[in-house]
Amino acid sequence: MGSFNTVKIFSGSQSEYLAKNIARYYGKELGGYTLRKFSDGELSPSFEESVRGCDVFLIQSTFPPTDNLMELLLMVDAARRASAHYVTVVIPYFGYARQDRKDKPRVAIAAKVVANLLTSVGVDRLMTLDLHAGQIQGFFDLPVDHLEGTSIFVPYIQSLGLKNLLIASPDMGGAARARNFAKFLNVDMILCDKHRKRANEIASMQVIGDVEGMDVVLVDDLIDTGGTLCKAAELILDKGANSVRAISTHAIMSGKAHENIANSVLEELIITDTIPLKQHNEKIRVLSVAEIFAKAIGRIRDHESISSLFINYNQ
């Protein structure tokens, strides 16, 4: 093992709750790091130990406000200027990923802007989980390790022992993701087709497929206000489903999301801890991503395959 560089893991200020667990699974303490703020809110991060010649892993989800992203960019720059050998950013939740294309005239492609920013400060590698759109990996000219939430969610769904399991996508955009789940669980899937008037507001929705007597699990990559998921769940139950659950990797939970979920027909909402939950909710079950990220860091260090962490439905 002598040829490997020392691995050091640091956490941005907003992801420490998760980074501590990742470091624990990996078998290391988090590195010493301080974030100072000027009175106007300007950020000034510094490492409290040497990173010279080290393989540095910087953990920070980039959920709003933009401070999280800015802090991460400054951390990368600090590590680079302190002669780190290799800098990997671990972004469990990659913010701005919803803006991944021009879906109408005169709009920004924010995901590409974030990719450019990360590249410009000298990131060597990116590790993330369940990107809103897989093709965002192509915005980077550097290795992207795109971990899959299926390896966390599928065993949980199997443990429920649901008799008539059916996977559903709450919109057309998530069809490929839902199909993956259906394939791993060896069940059928249905689609909900929604039409939006404006962002976060649904005009109409319909279910494509038969849900009569089924235990339906809705699959999505993120939940914001919860409007789509709750409306889809209601519609599916109205069509004769036995029960409805939802899986959502990233719990943004803005606006009235907690209220929406608590008052919904959902049996439970299963999420991960890529974003901290601001309040307790009886209907929400949190599964941790710490172990999968720790294993991936180990695989990178040992130059081993990361895809072996994924579920292989052919086996």
Protein backbone atom coordinates (compact mmCIF):
# COMPACT_ATOMS: atom_id res chain seq x y z
CA MET A 1 0.00 0.00 0.00
CA GLY A 2 3.06 2.26 0.21
CA SER A 3 2.49 3.67 -3.28
CA PHE A 4 -0.89 5.20 -2.35
CA ASN A 5 -1.14 8.80 -1.22
CA THR A 6 -2.67 9.63 2.15
CA VAL A 7 -6.44 10.07 1.98
CA LYS A 8 -7.87 13.06 3.84
CA ILE A 9 -11.60 13.72 4.10
CA PHE A 10 -12.97 17.19 4.81
CA SER A 11 -16.52 18.46 5.12
CA GLY A 12 -18.06 21.76 4.14
CA SER A 13 -20.03 23.43 6.92
CA GLN A 14 -23.47 22.29 5.67
CA SER A 15 -22.77 18.58 5.18
CA GLU A 16 -20.89 17.75 8.37
CA TYR A 17 -23.76 15.59 9.72
CA LEU A 18 -23.28 13.26 6.72
CA ALA A 19 -19.52 13.64 6.25
CA LYS A 20 -18.87 12.46 9.83
CA ASN A 21 -20.68 9.21 9.07
CA ILE A 22 -18.89 8.79 5.72
CA ALA A 23 -15.52 9.26 7.47
CA ARG A 24 -16.56 6.81 10.22
CA TYR A 25 -17.50 4.11 7.70
CA TYR A 26 -14.24 4.78 5.87
CA GLY A 27 -12.31 4.42 9.13
CA LYS A 28 -10.90 7.93 9.42
CA GLU A 29 -11.57 11.13 11.34
CA LEU A 30 -12.71 14.20 9.39
CA GLY A 31 -9.80 16.54 8.66
CA GLY A 32 -9.48 19.83 10.53
CA TYR A 33 -11.29 22.61 8.68
CA THR A 34 -12.59 26.05 9.64
CA LEU A 35 -15.01 28.34 7.86
CA ARG A 36 -14.77 31.95 8.92
CA LYS A 37 -17.26 34.58 7.80
CA PHE A 38 -16.77 38.30 7.42
CA SER A 39 -19.56 40.42 8.87
CA ASP A 40 -21.06 40.87 5.39
CA GLY A 41 -21.29 37.08 4.94
CA GLU A 42 -18.16 36.66 2.79
CA LEU A 43 -16.75 33.15 3.25
CA SER A 44 -13.16 32.37 4.19
CA PRO A 45 -12.40 28.62 4.46
CA SER A 46 -9.09 27.17 5.66
CA PHE A 47 -7.66 23.70 6.30
CA GLU A 48 -6.20 23.27 9.76
CA GLU A 49 -3.76 20.55 8.72
CA SER A 50 -1.38 19.85 5.85
CA VAL A 51 -2.83 18.40 2.63
CA ARG A 52 0.45 18.48 0.66
CA GLY A 53 0.65 15.42 -1.59
CA CYS A 54 -2.63 14.01 -0.23
CA ASP A 55 -5.68 12.65 -2.02
CA VAL A 56 -8.27 15.07 -0.71
CA PHE A 57 -12.04 14.36 -0.63
CA LEU A 58 -14.24 17.40 -0.04
CA ILE A 59 -17.82 16.61 0.97
CA GLN A 60 -20.58 19.18 0.47
CA SER A 61 -24.07 19.02 -1.02
CA THR A 62 -24.89 22.14 -3.03
CA PHE A 63 -28.48 22.71 -1.95
CA PRO A 64 -29.55 26.37 -1.67
CA PRO A 65 -28.49 28.95 -0.65
CA THR A 66 -25.62 29.36 -3.09
CA ASP A 67 -23.22 29.73 -0.13
CA ASN A 68 -22.81 25.94 -0.13
CA LEU A 69 -21.52 25.93 -3.70
CA MET A 70 -19.32 28.99 -3.12
CA GLU A 71 -17.82 27.40 -0.01
CA LEU A 72 -17.05 24.20 -1.94
CA LEU A 73 -15.36 26.16 -4.76
CA LEU A 74 -13.20 28.02 -2.23
CA MET A 75 -12.34 24.72 -0.47
CA VAL A 76 -11.11 23.27 -3.77
CA ASP A 77 -9.00 26.37 -4.42
CA ALA A 78 -7.54 26.23 -0.90
CA ALA A 79 -6.64 22.52 -1.33
CA ARG A 80 -5.07 23.20 -4.74
CA ARG A 81 -2.99 26.09 -3.40
CA ALA A 82 -1.90 23.92 -0.46
CA SER A 83 -0.41 21.38 -2.95
CA ALA A 84 -2.99 18.60 -2.60
CA HIS A 85 -2.12 15.77 -5.00
CA TYR A 86 -5.66 14.98 -6.16
CA VAL A 87 -8.93 16.74 -5.31
CA THR A 88 -12.24 14.86 -5.46
CA VAL A 89 -15.45 16.74 -4.70
CA VAL A 90 -18.15 14.57 -3.16
CA ILE A 91 -21.49 16.27 -3.86
CA PRO A 92 -24.25 13.95 -2.54
CA TYR A 93 -26.92 16.37 -3.83
CA PHE A 94 -25.86 18.25 -6.96
CA GLY A 95 -27.85 21.51 -6.94
CA TYR A 96 -29.02 23.34 -10.07
CA ALA A 97 -29.28 19.98 -11.86
CA ARG A 98 -32.91 20.63 -12.80
CA GLN A 99 -31.74 23.32 -15.22
CA ASP A 100 -29.93 20.91 -17.53
CA ARG A 101 -31.21 22.10 -20.95
CA LYS A 102 -32.92 24.98 -22.73
CA ASP A 103 -36.56 24.01 -22.41
CA LYS A 104 -37.69 27.47 -23.47
CA PRO A 105 -35.97 30.49 -25.05
CA ARG A 106 -33.62 32.82 -23.13
CA VAL A 107 -32.94 30.61 -20.11
CA ALA A 108 -29.67 29.54 -18.49
CA ILE A 109 -28.33 25.99 -18.39
CA ALA A 110 -27.39 26.26 -14.73
CA ALA A 111 -26.05 22.69 -14.40
CA LYS A 112 -23.44 23.50 -17.07
CA VAL A 113 -22.51 26.75 -15.29
CA VAL A 114 -21.90 24.78 -12.07
CA ALA A 115 -19.83 22.22 -14.02
CA ASN A 116 -17.73 25.04 -15.51
CA LEU A 117 -17.18 26.59 -12.07
CA LEU A 118 -16.05 23.30 -10.53
CA THR A 119 -13.73 22.60 -13.46
CA SER A 120 -12.25 26.11 -13.38
CA VAL A 121 -11.10 25.82 -9.75
CA GLY A 122 -9.23 22.60 -10.50
CA VAL A 123 -11.41 19.67 -9.43
CA ASP A 124 -9.89 16.33 -10.52
CA ARG A 125 -12.93 14.15 -9.96
CA LEU A 126 -16.60 14.41 -9.01
CA MET A 127 -18.63 11.90 -7.00
CA THR A 128 -22.38 12.35 -6.76
CA LEU A 129 -25.65 10.43 -6.35
CA ASP A 130 -28.76 10.24 -8.55
CA LEU A 131 -28.27 13.27 -10.77
CA HIS A 132 -31.52 14.79 -12.03
CA ALA A 133 -30.38 13.85 -15.53
CA GLY A 134 -27.58 11.37 -16.19
CA GLN A 135 -26.29 13.35 -19.17
CA ILE A 136 -25.04 16.10 -16.81
CA GLN A 137 -21.96 13.86 -16.51
CA GLY A 138 -21.15 14.98 -20.05
CA PHE A 139 -20.84 18.60 -18.88
CA PHE A 140 -17.55 17.60 -17.22
CA ASP A 141 -14.26 16.75 -18.93
CA LEU A 142 -13.14 14.82 -15.86
CA PRO A 143 -14.14 11.50 -14.25
CA VAL A 144 -17.63 11.52 -12.71
CA ASP A 145 -18.61 8.72 -10.34
CA HIS A 146 -22.40 8.67 -10.53
CA LEU A 147 -23.63 6.49 -7.65
CA GLU A 148 -27.11 5.00 -7.81
CA GLY A 149 -29.75 5.21 -5.10
CA THR A 150 -31.18 1.85 -6.20
CA SER A 151 -28.54 0.05 -4.14
CA ILE A 152 -29.99 1.69 -1.00
CA PHE A 153 -33.71 1.72 -1.88
CA VAL A 154 -34.18 -1.68 -3.54
CA PRO A 155 -33.17 -3.75 -0.46
CA TYR A 156 -35.54 -1.62 1.66
CA ILE A 157 -38.47 -2.14 -0.74
CA GLN A 158 -37.73 -5.89 -0.80
CA SER A 159 -37.76 -5.94 3.03
CA LEU A 160 -41.37 -4.63 3.02
CA GLY A 161 -42.57 -7.85 1.37
CA LEU A 162 -45.32 -6.11 -0.62
CA LYS A 163 -47.54 -8.69 -2.35
CA ASN A 164 -48.58 -6.87 -5.53
CA LEU A 165 -45.68 -4.48 -6.03
CA LEU A 166 -45.85 -1.98 -8.89
CA ILE A 167 -43.36 0.81 -9.63
CA ALA A 168 -44.61 4.20 -10.86
CA SER A 169 -42.97 7.32 -12.23
CA PRO A 170 -44.73 10.58 -11.23
CA ASP A 171 -43.81 12.11 -14.62
CA MET A 172 -42.48 11.19 -18.07
CA GLY A 173 -39.02 12.53 -17.27
CA GLY A 174 -38.47 9.93 -14.56
CA ALA A 175 -39.53 6.94 -16.70
CA ALA A 176 -35.97 5.58 -17.15
CA ARG A 177 -35.31 5.80 -13.39
CA ALA A 178 -38.58 3.99 -12.58
CA ARG A 179 -37.84 1.34 -15.22
CA ASN A 180 -34.51 0.63 -13.50
CA PHE A 181 -36.29 0.00 -10.19
CA ALA A 182 -38.90 -2.19 -11.90
CA LYS A 183 -36.12 -4.20 -13.55
CA PHE A 184 -34.20 -4.73 -10.27
CA LEU A 185 -37.40 -5.75 -8.45
CA ASN A 186 -38.70 -7.77 -11.41
CA VAL A 187 -42.12 -6.06 -11.46
CA ASP A 188 -44.12 -3.90 -13.88
CA MET A 189 -44.24 -0.11 -13.99
CA ILE A 190 -46.78 2.60 -14.80
CA LEU A 191 -46.50 6.29 -15.67
CA CYS A 192 -48.20 9.47 -14.55
CA ASP A 193 -48.38 12.16 -17.19
CA LYS A 194 -48.49 15.68 -15.83
CA HIS A 195 -48.93 19.03 -17.51
CA ARG A 196 -47.53 22.11 -15.75
CA LYS A 197 -48.80 25.68 -16.09
CA ARG A 198 -45.68 27.04 -14.35
CA ALA A 199 -42.90 25.76 -12.05
CA ASN A 200 -44.15 23.92 -8.94
CA GLU A 201 -47.76 24.13 -10.17
CA ILE A 202 -49.57 21.25 -11.87
CA ALA A 203 -52.49 21.86 -14.22
CA SER A 204 -53.52 18.26 -14.91
CA MET A 205 -52.38 14.67 -14.46
CA GLN A 206 -53.39 11.22 -15.65
CA VAL A 207 -52.28 7.64 -14.89
CA ILE A 208 -51.10 5.44 -17.76
CA GLY A 209 -51.46 1.79 -16.73
CA ASP A 210 -53.61 -0.39 -14.44
CA VAL A 211 -53.13 0.01 -10.65
CA GLU A 212 -56.17 -1.92 -9.39
CA GLY A 213 -55.30 -3.79 -6.15
CA MET A 214 -51.57 -3.00 -6.44
CA ASP A 215 -49.05 -1.78 -3.85
CA VAL A 216 -47.56 1.13 -5.75
CA VAL A 217 -44.14 2.70 -5.14
CA LEU A 218 -43.59 6.08 -6.81
CA VAL A 219 -39.95 6.75 -7.71
CA ASP A 220 -38.42 10.21 -8.14
CA ASP A 221 -34.93 11.71 -7.80
CA LEU A 222 -35.99 14.71 -5.72
CA ILE A 223 -38.94 16.10 -3.83
CA ASP A 224 -39.31 19.88 -3.62
CA THR A 225 -42.76 21.06 -2.52
CA GLY A 226 -44.16 17.53 -2.82
CA GLY A 227 -47.04 18.69 -5.02
CA THR A 228 -46.40 16.24 -7.87
CA LEU A 229 -45.86 13.20 -5.64
CA CYS A 230 -48.91 13.88 -3.47
CA LYS A 231 -51.16 14.48 -6.47
CA ALA A 232 -49.87 11.34 -8.21
CA ALA A 233 -50.41 9.28 -5.03
CA GLU A 234 -53.99 10.54 -4.71
CA LEU A 235 -54.75 9.76 -8.34
CA ILE A 236 -53.27 6.25 -8.07
CA LEU A 237 -55.32 5.50 -4.94
CA ASP A 238 -58.48 6.80 -6.66
CA LYS A 239 -57.82 4.34 -9.50
CA GLY A 240 -58.08 1.44 -7.05
CA ALA A 241 -54.52 0.88 -5.77
CA ASN A 242 -54.14 -0.94 -2.46
CA SER A 243 -51.39 1.35 -1.09
CA VAL A 244 -49.01 4.07 -2.29
CA ARG A 245 -45.48 4.81 -1.11
CA ALA A 246 -42.87 7.14 -2.56
CA ILE A 247 -39.09 7.05 -2.93
CA SER A 248 -37.18 10.27 -3.41
CA THR A 249 -33.38 10.46 -3.17
CA HIS A 250 -33.01 14.17 -2.42
CA ALA A 251 -35.46 15.76 0.03
CA ILE A 252 -35.37 19.48 -0.76
CA MET A 253 -38.66 19.89 1.13
CA SER A 254 -39.33 23.58 0.51
CA GLY A 255 -42.50 25.58 1.09
CA LYS A 256 -45.34 23.45 2.49
CA ALA A 257 -43.64 20.13 1.65
CA HIS A 258 -43.79 18.68 5.19
CA GLU A 259 -47.45 19.64 5.51
CA ASN A 260 -48.20 18.20 2.05
CA ILE A 261 -46.56 14.87 2.91
CA ALA A 262 -48.15 14.63 6.38
CA ASN A 263 -51.62 15.23 4.90
CA SER A 264 -51.13 13.03 1.83
CA VAL A 265 -52.42 9.51 1.16
CA LEU A 266 -48.84 8.20 1.10
CA GLU A 267 -48.06 5.34 3.50
CA GLU A 268 -44.50 6.66 3.76
CA LEU A 269 -41.92 8.74 1.92
CA ILE A 270 -38.49 7.09 1.76
CA ILE A 271 -35.58 9.49 1.32
CA THR A 272 -31.81 9.68 1.88
CA ASP A 273 -29.74 12.05 4.01
CA THR A 274 -28.05 13.93 1.11
CA ILE A 275 -29.91 17.02 2.36
CA PRO A 276 -30.58 17.47 6.11
CA LEU A 277 -34.24 17.21 7.14
CA LYS A 278 -35.30 20.45 8.84
CA GLN A 279 -38.09 18.89 10.89
CA HIS A 280 -39.35 15.50 12.04
CA ASN A 281 -42.14 13.95 9.99
CA GLU A 282 -43.94 10.72 10.98
CA LYS A 283 -44.35 9.69 7.34
CA ILE A 284 -40.71 10.12 6.34
CA ARG A 285 -38.12 7.34 6.59
CA VAL A 286 -34.48 8.34 6.06
CA LEU A 287 -31.94 5.86 4.67
CA SER A 288 -28.29 6.91 4.91
CA VAL A 289 -25.95 7.20 1.92
CA ALA A 290 -22.84 7.37 4.17
CA GLU A 291 -21.78 3.76 3.65
CA ILE A 292 -22.01 3.77 -0.16
CA PHE A 293 -19.96 6.99 -0.35
CA ALA A 294 -17.36 5.61 2.09
CA LYS A 295 -17.05 2.44 0.00
CA ALA A 296 -16.71 4.50 -3.21
CA ILE A 297 -13.92 6.59 -1.64
CA GLY A 298 -12.13 3.34 -0.73
CA ARG A 299 -12.52 2.02 -4.29
CA ILE A 300 -11.07 5.24 -5.73
CA ARG A 301 -8.11 5.06 -3.36
CA ASP A 302 -7.42 1.43 -4.28
CA HIS A 303 -8.07 1.98 -8.03
CA GLU A 304 -10.91 -0.56 -7.97
CA SER A 305 -14.22 -0.68 -9.83
CA ILE A 306 -17.01 1.52 -8.50
CA SER A 307 -19.71 -0.10 -10.63
CA SER A 308 -19.44 -3.19 -8.40
CA LEU A 309 -21.24 -1.10 -5.74
CA PHE A 310 -24.34 -1.01 -7.97
CA ILE A 311 -27.05 -3.65 -8.12
CA ASN A 312 -26.59 -5.94 -11.10
CA TYR A 313 -30.01 -7.17 -12.14
CA ASN A 314 -28.49 -9.78 -14.48
CA GLN A 315 -27.05 -11.72 -11.55
